[in-house]
Structures are given as C-alpha cells and as structure tokens.
Amino acid sequence: MDQTVSGTKVDLLDPKPDQILIEDIAHALSHICRFTGHVEKFMSVAHHSVIVSNLVDPEFAFDGLMHDATEAYVNDLSRPLKNLLPEYKVVEERFALAIAEKFGVTHPLPKQVKDADNVSLLWERRDLMKAPPEAWVEEHLVTLVPEQPLYPWTPAEARAEFMHRFHELSTSC
C-alpha cells in the first residue's frame, strides 16, 4: 500500500478506480520533473500533460492531458530505463486501466496522443536541455515543434493549470 497527498491508500499491485483522485494526480505530476530532473530548468509532468492536451485535436485533448497520469502513482522513469523493467510496465499498466475506468481515458492511448507526446518531448529537449549526443525518438516530428520557447511553470502554477484544463475538458466531454 501507498498513501497519496490526500491521505488515500492506494494498492500498488491492484489499484482500484475509487483510490484514484484527480487532485492527487495533479499534485503529484506538478512536483515530478521531466527527464528525471536532467533539465536546466524545472518543468513538471503536469505542465507537459497540459501541453500535450493542447497539441492534439479536441477529441483527443482529455486523453492527452491524462496520458501520463500513471506517473502520479509509479513516478516518471526515463524511457530507456522503463524499457529495461518489464515488471514496472505491469504495475504501470494496472494503474492505466484503473485511471481509464475512473475517468474514461482511452486505453490504449490514440496514436495522435503518442505523437503529440513525442513532439512535446522534442520541444522540451530543445528548450530545457543541452543538445543530445545522438538522435532521439522520431526526429522527423521536430518539424512540428512550435517555434516559441517554453517557459516552465512553478509546481503551483502547473497544478492549477492541470486542474483548470481537467475541468474544462471534463465539462466538454
């Protein structure tokens, strides 16, 4: 068992939808740094999630916002590390299913959300990290990266913006 910021007990091996709260997700994601902290300026997973929700077509915006919600419970691991940990993926999948059931998130995620996630990743890499020593994911998507620079939010701003976007999209669904 694990405990969230709201005091809710969550079964890490068998999470239930009633253990999942949007406030816990928003709070945790707003405090988790992108790229396992290997950035020149702090940027939260909550901020990243809002970006992804804005990069996709409106019908995928809610899925885009919630695409990393599992990380509120199992943390954010770098893709290379995650690929080495098959048991982590099993636990993450259980949380994805509980979150999908609780909030109606499409599972598995639509391709457009995965592409937007990669566009955001490339945008964040450009503005928050040093140049990479080798190519990353789907470099052809770099042409879709917005030209304007990213200005990361504080955790409080990221939490508020995530919750605002959640309520905005929940009422339009």
C-alpha atoms as a PDB file:
ATOM      1  CA  MET A   1       0.000   0.000   0.000  1.00  0.00           C
ATOM      2  CA  ASP A   2       0.993   3.575  -0.645  1.00  0.00           C
ATOM      3  CA  GLN A   3      -0.501   6.843   0.562  1.00  0.00           C
ATOM      4  CA  THR A   4      -1.205   9.879  -1.599  1.00  0.00           C
ATOM      5  CA  VAL A   5      -1.149  13.550  -0.636  1.00  0.00           C
ATOM      6  CA  SER A   6      -4.910  13.404   0.071  1.00  0.00           C
ATOM      7  CA  GLY A   7      -4.331  10.572   2.536  1.00  0.00           C
ATOM      8  CA  THR A   8      -5.865   7.987   0.218  1.00  0.00           C
ATOM      9  CA  LYS A   9      -4.464   4.475   0.452  1.00  0.00           C
ATOM     10  CA  VAL A  10      -3.608   3.029  -2.944  1.00  0.00           C
ATOM     11  CA  ASP A  11      -2.871  -0.640  -3.555  1.00  0.00           C
ATOM     12  CA  LEU A  12       0.241  -0.566  -5.748  1.00  0.00           C
ATOM     13  CA  LEU A  13      -0.302  -4.097  -7.052  1.00  0.00           C
ATOM     14  CA  ASP A  14      -4.070  -3.875  -7.536  1.00  0.00           C
ATOM     15  CA  PRO A  15      -5.162  -0.234  -7.821  1.00  0.00           C
ATOM     16  CA  LYS A  16      -8.894   0.416  -7.838  1.00  0.00           C
ATOM     17  CA  PRO A  17     -10.646   3.327  -9.557  1.00  0.00           C
ATOM     18  CA  ASP A  18     -12.029   4.570  -6.220  1.00  0.00           C
ATOM     19  CA  GLN A  19      -8.438   5.002  -4.978  1.00  0.00           C
ATOM     20  CA  ILE A  20      -7.624   7.357  -7.871  1.00  0.00           C
ATOM     21  CA  LEU A  21      -8.274  11.079  -7.307  1.00  0.00           C
ATOM     22  CA  ILE A  22      -7.670  13.820  -9.844  1.00  0.00           C
ATOM     23  CA  GLU A  23      -6.376  16.125  -7.104  1.00  0.00           C
ATOM     24  CA  ASP A  24      -3.706  13.557  -6.195  1.00  0.00           C
ATOM     25  CA  ILE A  25      -2.740  13.215  -9.848  1.00  0.00           C
ATOM     26  CA  ALA A  26      -2.489  16.984 -10.376  1.00  0.00           C
ATOM     27  CA  HIS A  27      -0.484  17.486  -7.196  1.00  0.00           C
ATOM     28  CA  ALA A  28       1.981  14.663  -7.826  1.00  0.00           C
ATOM     29  CA  LEU A  29       2.520  15.445 -11.521  1.00  0.00           C
ATOM     30  CA  SER A  30       3.133  19.109 -10.705  1.00  0.00           C
ATOM     31  CA  HIS A  31       6.039  18.052  -8.460  1.00  0.00           C
ATOM     32  CA  ILE A  32       7.607  15.453 -10.768  1.00  0.00           C
ATOM     33  CA  CYS A  33      10.321  16.881 -13.002  1.00  0.00           C
ATOM     34  CA  ARG A  34      10.564  15.942 -16.667  1.00  0.00           C
ATOM     35  CA  PHE A  35      13.547  13.893 -17.886  1.00  0.00           C
ATOM     36  CA  THR A  36      14.177  12.587 -14.344  1.00  0.00           C
ATOM     37  CA  GLY A  37      15.420  16.050 -13.425  1.00  0.00           C
ATOM     38  CA  HIS A  38      18.100  16.284 -16.127  1.00  0.00           C
ATOM     39  CA  VAL A  39      16.949  19.691 -17.305  1.00  0.00           C
ATOM     40  CA  GLU A  40      18.424  23.156 -16.949  1.00  0.00           C
ATOM     41  CA  LYS A  41      15.104  24.493 -15.587  1.00  0.00           C
ATOM     42  CA  PHE A  42      12.476  22.524 -13.647  1.00  0.00           C
ATOM     43  CA  MET A  43       9.498  21.538 -15.761  1.00  0.00           C
ATOM     44  CA  SER A  44       6.777  19.317 -14.378  1.00  0.00           C
ATOM     45  CA  VAL A  45       4.976  16.381 -15.869  1.00  0.00           C
ATOM     46  CA  ALA A  46       1.729  18.295 -15.204  1.00  0.00           C
ATOM     47  CA  HIS A  47       2.920  21.139 -17.461  1.00  0.00           C
ATOM     48  CA  HIS A  48       3.952  18.597 -20.105  1.00  0.00           C
ATOM     49  CA  SER A  49       0.496  16.988 -19.890  1.00  0.00           C
ATOM     50  CA  VAL A  50      -1.254  20.322 -20.468  1.00  0.00           C
ATOM     51  CA  ILE A  51       0.977  20.906 -23.498  1.00  0.00           C
ATOM     52  CA  VAL A  52       0.136  17.502 -24.967  1.00  0.00           C
ATOM     53  CA  SER A  53      -3.584  18.164 -24.446  1.00  0.00           C
ATOM     54  CA  ASN A  54      -3.207  21.380 -26.448  1.00  0.00           C
ATOM     55  CA  LEU A  55      -1.202  19.804 -29.286  1.00  0.00           C
ATOM     56  CA  VAL A  56      -3.833  17.217 -30.233  1.00  0.00           C
ATOM     57  CA  ASP A  57      -7.199  17.622 -31.927  1.00  0.00           C
ATOM     58  CA  PRO A  58     -10.009  18.489 -29.467  1.00  0.00           C
ATOM     59  CA  GLU A  59     -11.424  14.954 -29.434  1.00  0.00           C
ATOM     60  CA  PHE A  60      -8.104  13.670 -28.032  1.00  0.00           C
ATOM     61  CA  ALA A  61      -7.416  16.562 -25.625  1.00  0.00           C
ATOM     62  CA  PHE A  62      -8.614  14.743 -22.499  1.00  0.00           C
ATOM     63  CA  ASP A  63      -6.544  11.669 -23.368  1.00  0.00           C
ATOM     64  CA  GLY A  64      -3.580  13.991 -23.956  1.00  0.00           C
ATOM     65  CA  LEU A  65      -3.998  15.604 -20.552  1.00  0.00           C
ATOM     66  CA  MET A  66      -4.224  12.249 -18.800  1.00  0.00           C
ATOM     67  CA  HIS A  67      -1.612  10.355 -20.824  1.00  0.00           C
ATOM     68  CA  ASP A  68       0.987  10.400 -18.015  1.00  0.00           C
ATOM     69  CA  ALA A  69      -1.444  10.173 -15.077  1.00  0.00           C
ATOM     70  CA  THR A  70       0.036   6.821 -14.054  1.00  0.00           C
ATOM     71  CA  GLU A  71       3.239   8.643 -13.151  1.00  0.00           C
ATOM     72  CA  ALA A  72       1.438  10.223 -10.192  1.00  0.00           C
ATOM     73  CA  TYR A  73       1.482   6.751  -8.643  1.00  0.00           C
ATOM     74  CA  VAL A  74       4.513   4.991 -10.154  1.00  0.00           C
ATOM     75  CA  ASN A  75       6.717   8.050 -10.858  1.00  0.00           C
ATOM     76  CA  ASP A  76       8.313   9.111 -14.120  1.00  0.00           C
ATOM     77  CA  LEU A  77      11.070   6.860 -15.398  1.00  0.00           C
ATOM     78  CA  SER A  78      13.136   7.637 -18.457  1.00  0.00           C
ATOM     79  CA  ARG A  79      12.044   5.621 -21.491  1.00  0.00           C
ATOM     80  CA  PRO A  80      15.352   3.738 -21.727  1.00  0.00           C
ATOM     81  CA  LEU A  81      15.075   2.642 -18.072  1.00  0.00           C
ATOM     82  CA  LYS A  82      11.371   1.835 -18.347  1.00  0.00           C
ATOM     83  CA  ASN A  83      12.125  -0.460 -21.285  1.00  0.00           C
ATOM     84  CA  LEU A  84      14.531  -2.436 -19.059  1.00  0.00           C
ATOM     85  CA  LEU A  85      11.928  -3.007 -16.337  1.00  0.00           C
ATOM     86  CA  PRO A  86       9.130  -5.309 -17.529  1.00  0.00           C
ATOM     87  CA  GLU A  87       7.625  -5.602 -14.026  1.00  0.00           C
ATOM     88  CA  TYR A  88       7.365  -1.816 -13.802  1.00  0.00           C
ATOM     89  CA  LYS A  89       5.374  -1.873 -17.024  1.00  0.00           C
ATOM     90  CA  VAL A  90       2.940  -4.400 -15.484  1.00  0.00           C
ATOM     91  CA  VAL A  91       2.312  -2.144 -12.479  1.00  0.00           C
ATOM     92  CA  GLU A  92       2.041   0.935 -14.704  1.00  0.00           C
ATOM     93  CA  GLU A  93      -0.495  -0.891 -16.904  1.00  0.00           C
ATOM     94  CA  ARG A  94      -2.656  -1.716 -13.869  1.00  0.00           C
ATOM     95  CA  PHE A  95      -2.734   1.961 -12.958  1.00  0.00           C
ATOM     96  CA  ALA A  96      -3.510   2.897 -16.575  1.00  0.00           C
ATOM     97  CA  LEU A  97      -6.516   0.580 -16.509  1.00  0.00           C
ATOM     98  CA  ALA A  98      -7.777   1.939 -13.173  1.00  0.00           C
ATOM     99  CA  ILE A  99      -7.371   5.526 -14.421  1.00  0.00           C
ATOM    100  CA  ALA A 100      -9.089   4.690 -17.717  1.00  0.00           C
ATOM    101  CA  GLU A 101     -12.016   3.167 -15.845  1.00  0.00           C
ATOM    102  CA  LYS A 102     -12.273   6.057 -13.384  1.00  0.00           C
ATOM    103  CA  PHE A 103     -12.060   8.925 -15.880  1.00  0.00           C
ATOM    104  CA  GLY A 104     -12.902   7.384 -19.259  1.00  0.00           C
ATOM    105  CA  VAL A 105      -9.417   7.788 -20.698  1.00  0.00           C
ATOM    106  CA  THR A 106      -8.955   5.899 -23.977  1.00  0.00           C
ATOM    107  CA  HIS A 107      -6.823   2.819 -23.451  1.00  0.00           C
ATOM    108  CA  PRO A 108      -4.541   2.200 -25.152  1.00  0.00           C
ATOM    109  CA  LEU A 109      -3.822   5.819 -25.998  1.00  0.00           C
ATOM    110  CA  PRO A 110      -4.544   7.040 -29.546  1.00  0.00           C
ATOM    111  CA  LYS A 111      -1.593   7.443 -31.929  1.00  0.00           C
ATOM    112  CA  GLN A 112      -2.193  11.198 -32.111  1.00  0.00           C
ATOM    113  CA  VAL A 113      -1.575  11.454 -28.352  1.00  0.00           C
ATOM    114  CA  LYS A 114       1.619   9.410 -28.626  1.00  0.00           C
ATOM    115  CA  ASP A 115       2.832  11.632 -31.466  1.00  0.00           C
ATOM    116  CA  ALA A 116       1.987  14.800 -29.513  1.00  0.00           C
ATOM    117  CA  ASP A 117       3.843  13.352 -26.512  1.00  0.00           C
ATOM    118  CA  ASN A 118       6.920  12.980 -28.725  1.00  0.00           C
ATOM    119  CA  VAL A 119       6.533  16.489 -30.191  1.00  0.00           C
ATOM    120  CA  SER A 120       6.350  17.887 -26.654  1.00  0.00           C
ATOM    121  CA  LEU A 121       9.373  15.795 -25.668  1.00  0.00           C
ATOM    122  CA  LEU A 122      11.374  17.265 -28.559  1.00  0.00           C
ATOM    123  CA  TRP A 123      10.188  20.800 -27.721  1.00  0.00           C
ATOM    124  CA  GLU A 124      11.161  20.367 -24.080  1.00  0.00           C
ATOM    125  CA  ARG A 125      14.510  18.866 -25.036  1.00  0.00           C
ATOM    126  CA  ARG A 126      15.231  21.836 -27.316  1.00  0.00           C
ATOM    127  CA  ASP A 127      14.450  24.440 -24.664  1.00  0.00           C
ATOM    128  CA  LEU A 128      15.444  22.741 -21.416  1.00  0.00           C
ATOM    129  CA  MET A 129      18.421  20.517 -22.182  1.00  0.00           C
ATOM    130  CA  LYS A 130      21.783  20.550 -23.845  1.00  0.00           C
ATOM    131  CA  ALA A 131      21.988  19.198 -27.395  1.00  0.00           C
ATOM    132  CA  PRO A 132      21.724  15.406 -27.388  1.00  0.00           C
ATOM    133  CA  PRO A 133      24.739  13.244 -28.211  1.00  0.00           C
ATOM    134  CA  GLU A 134      22.585  11.188 -30.597  1.00  0.00           C
ATOM    135  CA  ALA A 135      19.133  11.267 -32.194  1.00  0.00           C
ATOM    136  CA  TRP A 136      16.053  10.712 -30.039  1.00  0.00           C
ATOM    137  CA  VAL A 137      12.564   9.467 -30.794  1.00  0.00           C
ATOM    138  CA  GLU A 138      11.032  10.098 -34.185  1.00  0.00           C
ATOM    139  CA  GLU A 139      13.222  13.074 -35.057  1.00  0.00           C
ATOM    140  CA  HIS A 140      11.033  13.762 -38.103  1.00  0.00           C
ATOM    141  CA  LEU A 141       8.495  15.187 -35.623  1.00  0.00           C
ATOM    142  CA  VAL A 142      10.881  18.057 -34.851  1.00  0.00           C
ATOM    143  CA  THR A 143       9.276  19.952 -37.740  1.00  0.00           C
ATOM    144  CA  LEU A 144       6.055  20.019 -35.664  1.00  0.00           C
ATOM    145  CA  VAL A 145       7.707  21.613 -32.626  1.00  0.00           C
ATOM    146  CA  PRO A 146       6.346  25.130 -32.049  1.00  0.00           C
ATOM    147  CA  GLU A 147       8.865  27.915 -32.616  1.00  0.00           C
ATOM    148  CA  GLN A 148       8.038  29.820 -29.435  1.00  0.00           C
ATOM    149  CA  PRO A 149      10.190  28.989 -26.401  1.00  0.00           C
ATOM    150  CA  LEU A 150       8.848  27.096 -23.404  1.00  0.00           C
ATOM    151  CA  TYR A 151       8.550  28.925 -20.120  1.00  0.00           C
ATOM    152  CA  PRO A 152       8.136  26.308 -17.391  1.00  0.00           C
ATOM    153  CA  TRP A 153       5.583  26.832 -14.642  1.00  0.00           C
ATOM    154  CA  THR A 154       6.148  26.507 -10.928  1.00  0.00           C
ATOM    155  CA  PRO A 155       4.586  23.418  -9.319  1.00  0.00           C
ATOM    156  CA  ALA A 156       1.705  25.552  -8.003  1.00  0.00           C
ATOM    157  CA  GLU A 157       1.055  27.022 -11.460  1.00  0.00           C
ATOM    158  CA  ALA A 158       1.299  23.578 -13.098  1.00  0.00           C
ATOM    159  CA  ARG A 159      -1.155  22.063 -10.618  1.00  0.00           C
ATOM    160  CA  ALA A 160      -3.628  24.912 -11.134  1.00  0.00           C
ATOM    161  CA  GLU A 161      -3.337  24.775 -14.940  1.00  0.00           C
ATOM    162  CA  PHE A 162      -3.691  20.978 -14.949  1.00  0.00           C
ATOM    163  CA  MET A 163      -6.847  21.176 -12.792  1.00  0.00           C
ATOM    164  CA  HIS A 164      -8.234  24.016 -14.920  1.00  0.00           C
ATOM    165  CA  ARG A 165      -7.677  22.004 -18.100  1.00  0.00           C
ATOM    166  CA  PHE A 166      -9.176  18.890 -16.481  1.00  0.00           C
ATOM    167  CA  HIS A 167     -12.365  20.750 -15.533  1.00  0.00           C
ATOM    168  CA  GLU A 168     -12.517  22.475 -18.921  1.00  0.00           C
ATOM    169  CA  LEU A 169     -12.268  19.136 -20.752  1.00  0.00           C
ATOM    170  CA  SER A 170     -14.495  17.223 -18.329  1.00  0.00           C
ATOM    171  CA  THR A 171     -17.395  19.591 -18.971  1.00  0.00           C
ATOM    172  CA  SER A 172     -16.923  19.396 -22.737  1.00  0.00           C
ATOM    173  CA  CYS A 173     -16.844  15.568 -22.855  1.00  0.00           C
END
